[in-house]
N, C-alpha and C. Protein backbone atom coordinates (compact mmCIF):
# COMPACT_ATOMS: atom_id res chain seq x y z
N UNK A 1 -154.80 -55.36 -224.00
CA UNK A 1 -153.81 -55.47 -223.37
C UNK A 1 -153.50 -54.31 -222.49
N UNK A 2 -152.87 -54.24 -221.57
CA UNK A 2 -152.64 -53.47 -220.55
C UNK A 2 -151.18 -53.23 -220.14
N UNK A 3 -150.81 -52.17 -219.76
CA UNK A 3 -149.54 -51.76 -219.01
C UNK A 3 -149.63 -52.18 -217.58
N UNK A 4 -148.46 -52.31 -216.90
CA UNK A 4 -148.55 -52.77 -215.46
C UNK A 4 -149.42 -51.82 -214.64
N UNK A 5 -149.09 -50.39 -214.85
CA UNK A 5 -150.12 -49.37 -213.95
C UNK A 5 -151.51 -49.83 -214.04
N UNK A 6 -151.96 -50.23 -215.26
CA UNK A 6 -153.45 -50.19 -215.23
C UNK A 6 -153.76 -51.80 -214.86
N UNK A 7 -152.99 -52.73 -214.98
CA UNK A 7 -153.40 -54.15 -214.72
C UNK A 7 -153.02 -54.51 -213.07
N UNK A 8 -152.07 -53.61 -212.65
CA UNK A 8 -151.45 -54.23 -211.40
C UNK A 8 -152.45 -54.55 -210.38
N UNK A 9 -153.29 -53.77 -209.91
CA UNK A 9 -154.17 -54.15 -208.93
C UNK A 9 -155.08 -55.36 -209.06
N UNK A 10 -155.48 -55.91 -210.10
CA UNK A 10 -156.25 -56.99 -210.54
C UNK A 10 -155.08 -58.23 -210.82
N UNK A 11 -154.20 -57.97 -211.40
CA UNK A 11 -153.10 -59.08 -211.69
C UNK A 11 -152.55 -59.34 -210.56
N UNK A 12 -152.03 -58.58 -209.63
CA UNK A 12 -151.36 -58.94 -208.43
C UNK A 12 -152.35 -59.53 -207.61
N UNK A 13 -153.50 -59.27 -207.29
CA UNK A 13 -154.50 -60.03 -206.56
C UNK A 13 -154.69 -61.33 -206.96
N UNK A 14 -154.71 -61.73 -208.29
CA UNK A 14 -155.12 -63.14 -208.73
C UNK A 14 -153.71 -63.83 -208.56
N UNK A 15 -152.39 -63.45 -208.99
CA UNK A 15 -151.20 -63.80 -208.91
C UNK A 15 -150.90 -64.24 -207.45
N UNK A 16 -151.33 -63.43 -206.44
CA UNK A 16 -151.19 -63.77 -205.00
C UNK A 16 -151.92 -64.83 -204.64
N UNK A 17 -153.09 -64.89 -205.24
CA UNK A 17 -154.07 -65.97 -204.65
C UNK A 17 -153.60 -67.28 -205.20
N UNK A 18 -153.20 -67.24 -206.70
CA UNK A 18 -152.93 -68.69 -207.11
C UNK A 18 -151.50 -69.01 -206.87
N UNK A 19 -150.33 -68.15 -207.06
CA UNK A 19 -149.18 -68.57 -207.00
C UNK A 19 -148.50 -68.45 -205.28
N UNK A 20 -148.83 -67.67 -204.54
CA UNK A 20 -148.38 -67.52 -203.15
C UNK A 20 -149.25 -68.22 -202.31
N UNK A 21 -150.58 -68.10 -202.21
CA UNK A 21 -151.44 -68.73 -201.32
C UNK A 21 -151.70 -70.20 -201.92
N UNK A 22 -152.23 -70.33 -203.06
CA UNK A 22 -152.47 -71.84 -203.35
C UNK A 22 -151.15 -72.72 -203.42
N UNK A 23 -150.19 -72.00 -204.28
CA UNK A 23 -148.95 -72.90 -204.57
C UNK A 23 -147.67 -72.72 -203.79
N UNK A 24 -147.84 -71.93 -202.85
CA UNK A 24 -146.65 -71.82 -201.90
C UNK A 24 -145.47 -71.16 -202.57
N UNK A 25 -145.56 -70.37 -203.60
CA UNK A 25 -144.47 -69.38 -204.04
C UNK A 25 -144.01 -68.51 -203.11
N UNK A 26 -142.88 -68.28 -202.94
CA UNK A 26 -142.50 -67.05 -201.99
C UNK A 26 -143.14 -65.77 -202.39
N UNK A 27 -143.44 -64.78 -201.64
CA UNK A 27 -144.11 -63.55 -202.12
C UNK A 27 -143.29 -62.72 -202.78
N UNK A 28 -141.91 -62.63 -202.31
CA UNK A 28 -140.91 -61.85 -202.95
C UNK A 28 -140.42 -62.47 -204.27
N UNK A 29 -140.66 -63.64 -204.80
CA UNK A 29 -140.55 -64.16 -206.06
C UNK A 29 -141.72 -63.71 -207.06
N UNK A 30 -142.78 -63.50 -206.64
CA UNK A 30 -143.74 -63.33 -207.52
C UNK A 30 -143.96 -62.05 -208.14
N UNK A 31 -143.74 -60.87 -207.68
CA UNK A 31 -143.54 -59.56 -208.52
C UNK A 31 -142.31 -59.43 -208.90
N UNK A 32 -141.98 -59.04 -210.11
CA UNK A 32 -140.57 -58.62 -210.50
C UNK A 32 -140.35 -57.43 -211.24
N UNK A 33 -139.25 -57.32 -211.53
CA UNK A 33 -138.84 -56.29 -212.35
C UNK A 33 -139.53 -56.19 -213.84
N UNK A 34 -139.79 -57.47 -214.21
CA UNK A 34 -140.24 -57.71 -215.53
C UNK A 34 -141.76 -57.07 -215.61
N UNK A 35 -142.41 -57.03 -214.61
CA UNK A 35 -143.98 -56.45 -214.94
C UNK A 35 -144.11 -55.20 -215.46
N UNK A 36 -143.20 -54.31 -215.11
CA UNK A 36 -143.18 -52.89 -215.63
C UNK A 36 -142.94 -52.62 -217.22
N UNK A 37 -142.07 -53.63 -217.65
CA UNK A 37 -141.83 -53.79 -218.99
C UNK A 37 -142.81 -54.66 -219.86
N UNK A 38 -143.62 -55.28 -219.19
CA UNK A 38 -144.58 -56.20 -220.04
C UNK A 38 -145.84 -55.63 -220.31
N UNK A 39 -146.52 -56.41 -221.34
CA UNK A 39 -147.92 -56.20 -221.48
C UNK A 39 -148.69 -57.24 -220.66
N UNK A 40 -149.79 -56.84 -220.15
CA UNK A 40 -150.52 -57.78 -219.22
C UNK A 40 -152.17 -57.83 -219.84
N UNK A 41 -152.35 -59.10 -219.69
CA UNK A 41 -153.99 -59.53 -220.12
C UNK A 41 -154.64 -59.84 -218.81
N UNK A 42 -155.84 -59.43 -218.84
CA UNK A 42 -156.79 -59.92 -217.55
C UNK A 42 -158.17 -60.45 -218.43
N UNK A 43 -158.64 -61.42 -217.72
CA UNK A 43 -159.79 -62.16 -218.11
C UNK A 43 -160.88 -61.87 -217.02
N UNK A 44 -161.94 -61.63 -217.54
CA UNK A 44 -163.07 -61.16 -216.79
C UNK A 44 -164.35 -61.99 -216.82
N UNK A 45 -165.04 -62.42 -215.59
CA UNK A 45 -166.23 -62.94 -215.60
C UNK A 45 -167.05 -62.46 -214.44
N UNK A 46 -168.30 -62.41 -214.81
CA UNK A 46 -169.24 -61.81 -213.66
C UNK A 46 -168.71 -60.36 -213.03
N UNK A 47 -168.27 -59.76 -214.02
CA UNK A 47 -167.86 -58.42 -213.74
C UNK A 47 -166.46 -58.25 -212.96
N UNK A 48 -165.76 -59.21 -212.64
CA UNK A 48 -164.47 -59.27 -211.96
C UNK A 48 -163.36 -59.92 -212.58
N UNK A 49 -162.08 -59.37 -212.35
CA UNK A 49 -161.05 -60.13 -213.05
C UNK A 49 -160.80 -61.55 -212.34
N UNK A 50 -160.58 -62.55 -213.22
CA UNK A 50 -160.46 -63.89 -212.73
C UNK A 50 -159.20 -64.68 -213.27
N UNK A 51 -158.39 -63.95 -214.24
CA UNK A 51 -157.39 -64.46 -214.59
C UNK A 51 -156.28 -63.39 -215.18
N UNK A 52 -155.01 -63.95 -215.41
CA UNK A 52 -154.05 -62.89 -215.94
C UNK A 52 -152.87 -63.55 -216.45
N UNK A 53 -152.20 -63.03 -217.32
CA UNK A 53 -150.77 -63.30 -217.95
C UNK A 53 -150.21 -62.14 -218.57
N UNK A 54 -148.92 -62.35 -218.77
CA UNK A 54 -148.17 -61.13 -219.20
C UNK A 54 -147.19 -61.64 -220.44
N UNK A 55 -146.92 -60.53 -221.25
CA UNK A 55 -145.95 -61.03 -222.49
C UNK A 55 -144.80 -59.93 -222.16
N UNK A 56 -143.54 -60.60 -222.03
CA UNK A 56 -142.42 -59.84 -221.95
C UNK A 56 -142.02 -59.30 -223.19
N UNK A 57 -140.94 -58.36 -223.36
CA UNK A 57 -140.36 -57.67 -224.50
C UNK A 57 -139.85 -58.66 -225.36
N UNK A 58 -139.25 -59.69 -224.74
CA UNK A 58 -138.53 -60.75 -225.52
C UNK A 58 -139.37 -61.85 -226.12
N UNK A 59 -140.74 -61.75 -225.87
CA UNK A 59 -141.61 -62.61 -226.45
C UNK A 59 -141.98 -64.01 -225.68
N UNK A 60 -141.50 -63.82 -224.33
CA UNK A 60 -141.81 -64.90 -223.44
C UNK A 60 -143.31 -64.38 -222.69
N UNK A 61 -144.18 -65.39 -222.69
CA UNK A 61 -145.09 -65.37 -221.86
C UNK A 61 -145.13 -65.92 -220.41
N UNK A 62 -145.80 -65.29 -219.47
CA UNK A 62 -145.35 -65.85 -218.13
C UNK A 62 -146.57 -65.31 -217.08
N UNK A 63 -146.54 -65.79 -215.99
CA UNK A 63 -147.40 -65.49 -214.73
C UNK A 63 -148.79 -65.75 -215.44
N UNK A 64 -149.23 -66.88 -215.99
CA UNK A 64 -150.64 -67.23 -216.35
C UNK A 64 -151.17 -67.64 -215.12
N UNK A 65 -152.22 -67.29 -214.79
CA UNK A 65 -153.01 -67.58 -213.59
C UNK A 65 -154.47 -67.35 -213.89
N UNK A 66 -155.28 -68.42 -213.34
CA UNK A 66 -156.63 -68.39 -213.48
C UNK A 66 -157.06 -68.66 -211.96
N UNK A 67 -158.17 -68.14 -211.32
CA UNK A 67 -158.49 -68.31 -209.96
C UNK A 67 -159.20 -69.86 -210.16
N UNK A 68 -159.18 -70.60 -209.08
CA UNK A 68 -159.42 -71.85 -208.98
C UNK A 68 -160.82 -72.22 -209.62
N UNK A 69 -161.92 -71.27 -209.08
CA UNK A 69 -163.13 -71.79 -209.50
C UNK A 69 -163.42 -71.45 -210.72
N UNK A 70 -162.54 -70.83 -211.64
CA UNK A 70 -162.62 -70.44 -213.00
C UNK A 70 -161.89 -71.33 -213.94
N UNK A 71 -161.16 -72.12 -213.24
CA UNK A 71 -160.06 -73.09 -214.28
C UNK A 71 -161.11 -74.04 -215.03
N UNK A 72 -160.89 -74.42 -216.34
CA UNK A 72 -161.49 -75.27 -217.04
C UNK A 72 -162.55 -74.91 -218.05
N UNK A 73 -162.78 -73.40 -217.96
CA UNK A 73 -163.98 -72.73 -218.55
C UNK A 73 -163.59 -71.91 -219.81
N UNK A 74 -162.09 -71.96 -220.01
CA UNK A 74 -161.62 -71.38 -221.32
C UNK A 74 -161.13 -69.85 -220.89
N UNK A 75 -161.07 -69.41 -219.89
CA UNK A 75 -160.31 -68.29 -219.37
C UNK A 75 -158.98 -68.31 -219.90
N UNK A 76 -158.17 -69.20 -219.35
CA UNK A 76 -156.77 -69.36 -219.68
C UNK A 76 -156.50 -69.50 -221.06
N UNK A 77 -157.17 -70.20 -221.81
CA UNK A 77 -157.10 -70.20 -223.52
C UNK A 77 -157.33 -68.98 -223.96
N UNK A 78 -158.13 -68.19 -223.58
CA UNK A 78 -158.47 -66.90 -224.05
C UNK A 78 -157.30 -65.92 -223.66
N UNK A 79 -156.83 -66.05 -222.38
CA UNK A 79 -155.66 -65.18 -222.22
C UNK A 79 -154.48 -65.64 -223.01
N UNK A 80 -154.21 -66.91 -223.07
CA UNK A 80 -153.06 -67.24 -223.85
C UNK A 80 -153.12 -66.73 -225.36
N UNK A 81 -154.50 -67.11 -225.78
CA UNK A 81 -154.41 -66.55 -227.18
C UNK A 81 -154.22 -65.05 -227.52
N UNK A 82 -154.77 -64.22 -226.55
CA UNK A 82 -154.41 -62.88 -226.72
C UNK A 82 -152.97 -62.44 -226.48
N UNK A 83 -152.24 -62.97 -225.75
CA UNK A 83 -150.83 -62.85 -225.39
C UNK A 83 -150.16 -63.27 -226.62
N UNK A 84 -150.69 -64.37 -227.38
CA UNK A 84 -149.98 -64.71 -228.59
C UNK A 84 -150.15 -63.72 -229.71
N UNK A 85 -151.38 -63.35 -229.83
CA UNK A 85 -151.55 -62.30 -230.77
C UNK A 85 -150.99 -61.07 -230.61
N UNK A 86 -150.86 -60.54 -229.33
CA UNK A 86 -149.93 -59.32 -229.10
C UNK A 86 -148.50 -59.79 -229.64
N UNK A 87 -148.01 -60.74 -229.33
CA UNK A 87 -146.58 -61.17 -229.78
C UNK A 87 -146.40 -61.03 -231.26
N UNK A 88 -147.44 -61.43 -232.03
CA UNK A 88 -147.51 -61.44 -233.45
C UNK A 88 -147.56 -59.96 -233.82
N UNK A 89 -148.39 -59.27 -233.18
CA UNK A 89 -148.50 -57.85 -233.36
C UNK A 89 -147.09 -57.11 -233.40
N UNK A 90 -146.52 -57.49 -232.56
CA UNK A 90 -144.98 -57.01 -232.12
C UNK A 90 -143.92 -57.57 -232.94
N UNK A 91 -144.46 -58.49 -233.64
CA UNK A 91 -143.52 -58.97 -234.81
C UNK A 91 -142.61 -60.30 -234.28
N UNK A 92 -143.05 -60.68 -233.24
CA UNK A 92 -142.30 -61.80 -232.80
C UNK A 92 -142.47 -63.30 -233.76
N UNK A 93 -141.41 -63.91 -233.87
CA UNK A 93 -141.60 -65.01 -234.73
C UNK A 93 -141.84 -66.19 -233.88
N UNK A 94 -141.72 -66.19 -232.63
CA UNK A 94 -142.03 -67.34 -231.88
C UNK A 94 -142.31 -66.65 -230.38
N UNK A 95 -143.21 -67.54 -229.55
CA UNK A 95 -143.25 -67.24 -228.04
C UNK A 95 -142.62 -68.33 -227.19
N UNK A 96 -142.30 -68.03 -226.24
CA UNK A 96 -141.79 -69.08 -225.20
C UNK A 96 -142.31 -68.87 -224.01
N UNK A 97 -142.37 -69.86 -223.03
CA UNK A 97 -142.97 -69.96 -221.72
C UNK A 97 -142.25 -70.95 -220.94
N UNK A 98 -142.28 -70.87 -219.39
CA UNK A 98 -141.96 -71.94 -218.79
C UNK A 98 -143.25 -72.51 -217.93
N UNK A 99 -143.55 -73.54 -218.48
CA UNK A 99 -144.85 -74.33 -217.81
C UNK A 99 -144.67 -75.17 -216.88
N UNK A 100 -145.57 -74.98 -215.75
CA UNK A 100 -145.57 -75.73 -214.89
C UNK A 100 -146.03 -77.05 -215.21
N UNK A 101 -145.44 -78.21 -214.82
CA UNK A 101 -145.64 -79.75 -215.62
C UNK A 101 -147.15 -79.95 -215.44
N UNK A 102 -147.86 -79.66 -214.51
CA UNK A 102 -149.21 -80.03 -214.67
C UNK A 102 -150.14 -79.59 -215.76
N UNK A 103 -149.54 -78.50 -216.18
CA UNK A 103 -150.05 -77.58 -217.39
C UNK A 103 -149.75 -77.87 -219.00
N UNK A 104 -148.70 -78.82 -219.02
CA UNK A 104 -148.21 -79.05 -220.17
C UNK A 104 -149.28 -79.45 -221.27
N UNK A 105 -150.20 -80.12 -221.00
CA UNK A 105 -151.28 -80.49 -222.00
C UNK A 105 -152.13 -79.22 -222.36
N UNK A 106 -152.31 -78.32 -221.51
CA UNK A 106 -152.86 -77.22 -221.79
C UNK A 106 -152.13 -76.37 -222.86
N UNK A 107 -150.88 -76.24 -222.67
CA UNK A 107 -150.00 -75.52 -223.65
C UNK A 107 -149.86 -76.42 -224.95
N UNK A 108 -149.56 -77.71 -224.95
CA UNK A 108 -149.46 -78.50 -226.20
C UNK A 108 -150.67 -78.30 -227.07
N UNK A 109 -151.92 -78.35 -226.29
CA UNK A 109 -153.30 -78.10 -227.36
C UNK A 109 -153.23 -76.96 -227.89
N UNK A 110 -152.41 -75.77 -227.55
CA UNK A 110 -152.36 -74.47 -228.32
C UNK A 110 -151.10 -74.41 -228.99
N UNK A 111 -150.45 -75.55 -229.22
CA UNK A 111 -149.31 -75.78 -230.19
C UNK A 111 -148.11 -75.65 -229.83
N UNK A 112 -147.79 -75.40 -228.42
CA UNK A 112 -146.32 -75.34 -227.91
C UNK A 112 -145.77 -76.66 -227.82
N UNK A 113 -144.40 -76.64 -227.98
CA UNK A 113 -143.64 -77.88 -227.89
C UNK A 113 -142.68 -77.66 -226.91
N UNK A 114 -142.45 -78.80 -226.16
CA UNK A 114 -141.54 -78.82 -224.96
C UNK A 114 -140.17 -78.79 -225.52
N UNK A 115 -139.10 -78.09 -224.77
CA UNK A 115 -137.79 -77.98 -225.21
C UNK A 115 -137.09 -78.42 -223.78
N UNK A 116 -136.05 -79.16 -223.82
CA UNK A 116 -135.17 -79.59 -222.96
C UNK A 116 -135.82 -80.32 -221.75
N UNK A 117 -135.04 -80.35 -220.48
CA UNK A 117 -135.44 -81.17 -219.43
C UNK A 117 -136.21 -80.47 -218.45
N UNK A 118 -137.08 -81.15 -217.56
CA UNK A 118 -137.73 -80.61 -216.77
C UNK A 118 -136.90 -80.02 -215.66
N UNK A 119 -137.17 -78.83 -214.92
CA UNK A 119 -136.36 -78.00 -214.12
C UNK A 119 -137.28 -77.72 -212.99
N UNK A 120 -136.60 -77.17 -211.86
CA UNK A 120 -137.31 -76.59 -210.77
C UNK A 120 -137.32 -75.04 -210.92
N UNK A 121 -138.51 -74.55 -210.53
CA UNK A 121 -138.40 -73.09 -210.37
C UNK A 121 -139.52 -72.84 -209.28
N UNK A 122 -139.07 -72.06 -208.36
CA UNK A 122 -139.66 -71.82 -207.01
C UNK A 122 -140.30 -72.95 -206.41
N UNK A 123 -139.73 -74.09 -206.42
CA UNK A 123 -140.08 -75.30 -205.90
C UNK A 123 -140.96 -76.03 -206.52
N UNK A 124 -141.37 -75.61 -208.01
CA UNK A 124 -142.41 -76.40 -208.77
C UNK A 124 -141.70 -76.83 -210.03
N UNK A 125 -142.04 -78.16 -210.38
CA UNK A 125 -141.40 -78.67 -211.67
C UNK A 125 -141.98 -77.75 -212.78
N UNK A 126 -141.10 -77.24 -213.67
CA UNK A 126 -141.40 -76.51 -215.01
C UNK A 126 -140.71 -77.22 -216.22
N UNK A 127 -141.34 -76.90 -217.40
CA UNK A 127 -140.83 -77.42 -218.58
C UNK A 127 -140.66 -76.21 -219.53
N UNK A 128 -139.78 -75.77 -220.32
CA UNK A 128 -139.57 -74.75 -221.13
C UNK A 128 -140.43 -75.24 -222.42
N UNK A 129 -141.15 -74.37 -223.04
CA UNK A 129 -142.07 -74.65 -224.22
C UNK A 129 -141.72 -73.60 -225.19
N UNK A 130 -141.93 -73.79 -226.61
CA UNK A 130 -141.97 -72.59 -227.44
C UNK A 130 -143.04 -73.17 -228.50
N UNK A 131 -143.54 -71.96 -229.07
CA UNK A 131 -144.62 -71.91 -230.29
C UNK A 131 -144.00 -71.17 -231.39
N UNK A 132 -143.72 -71.64 -232.41
CA UNK A 132 -143.44 -70.88 -233.59
C UNK A 132 -144.71 -70.32 -234.19
N UNK A 133 -144.63 -68.91 -234.44
CA UNK A 133 -145.72 -68.11 -235.03
C UNK A 133 -145.77 -67.97 -236.37
N UNK A 134 -144.85 -68.17 -237.06
CA UNK A 134 -144.73 -68.18 -238.69
C UNK A 134 -144.99 -66.93 -239.04
N UNK A 135 -145.39 -66.71 -240.38
CA UNK A 135 -145.86 -65.31 -240.95
C UNK A 135 -147.20 -65.23 -240.82
N UNK A 136 -147.81 -64.19 -239.89
CA UNK A 136 -149.00 -63.84 -239.70
C UNK A 136 -149.31 -62.31 -239.82
């Protein structure tokens, strides 16, 4: 797990590629004040960073992104599990996230459960999800 200073160059590159260029999220919405307060994870393959995600101080996981050519190969799952482990180490009893609707099954497979209605964020349908961590 990295702080923003250590993760910024690679995380920003991946997030701009996935969210801004691929999904059309406005660039001004992508980087925010939560980055500096969060723990960041990076996934590597072939010597370069191919995925990223962050854990906010309140136990929210966010900004999960894997470069298109690396999706479906386990990088996202590895990132998610590292972020969940970091939340456990911090003493969180649960983690929450805002999943893009197309990724619901990915998160369900890791034990996350949907909460509430689908809503729009940055022009993309999302679903709130939560994972109770229990005593670990």
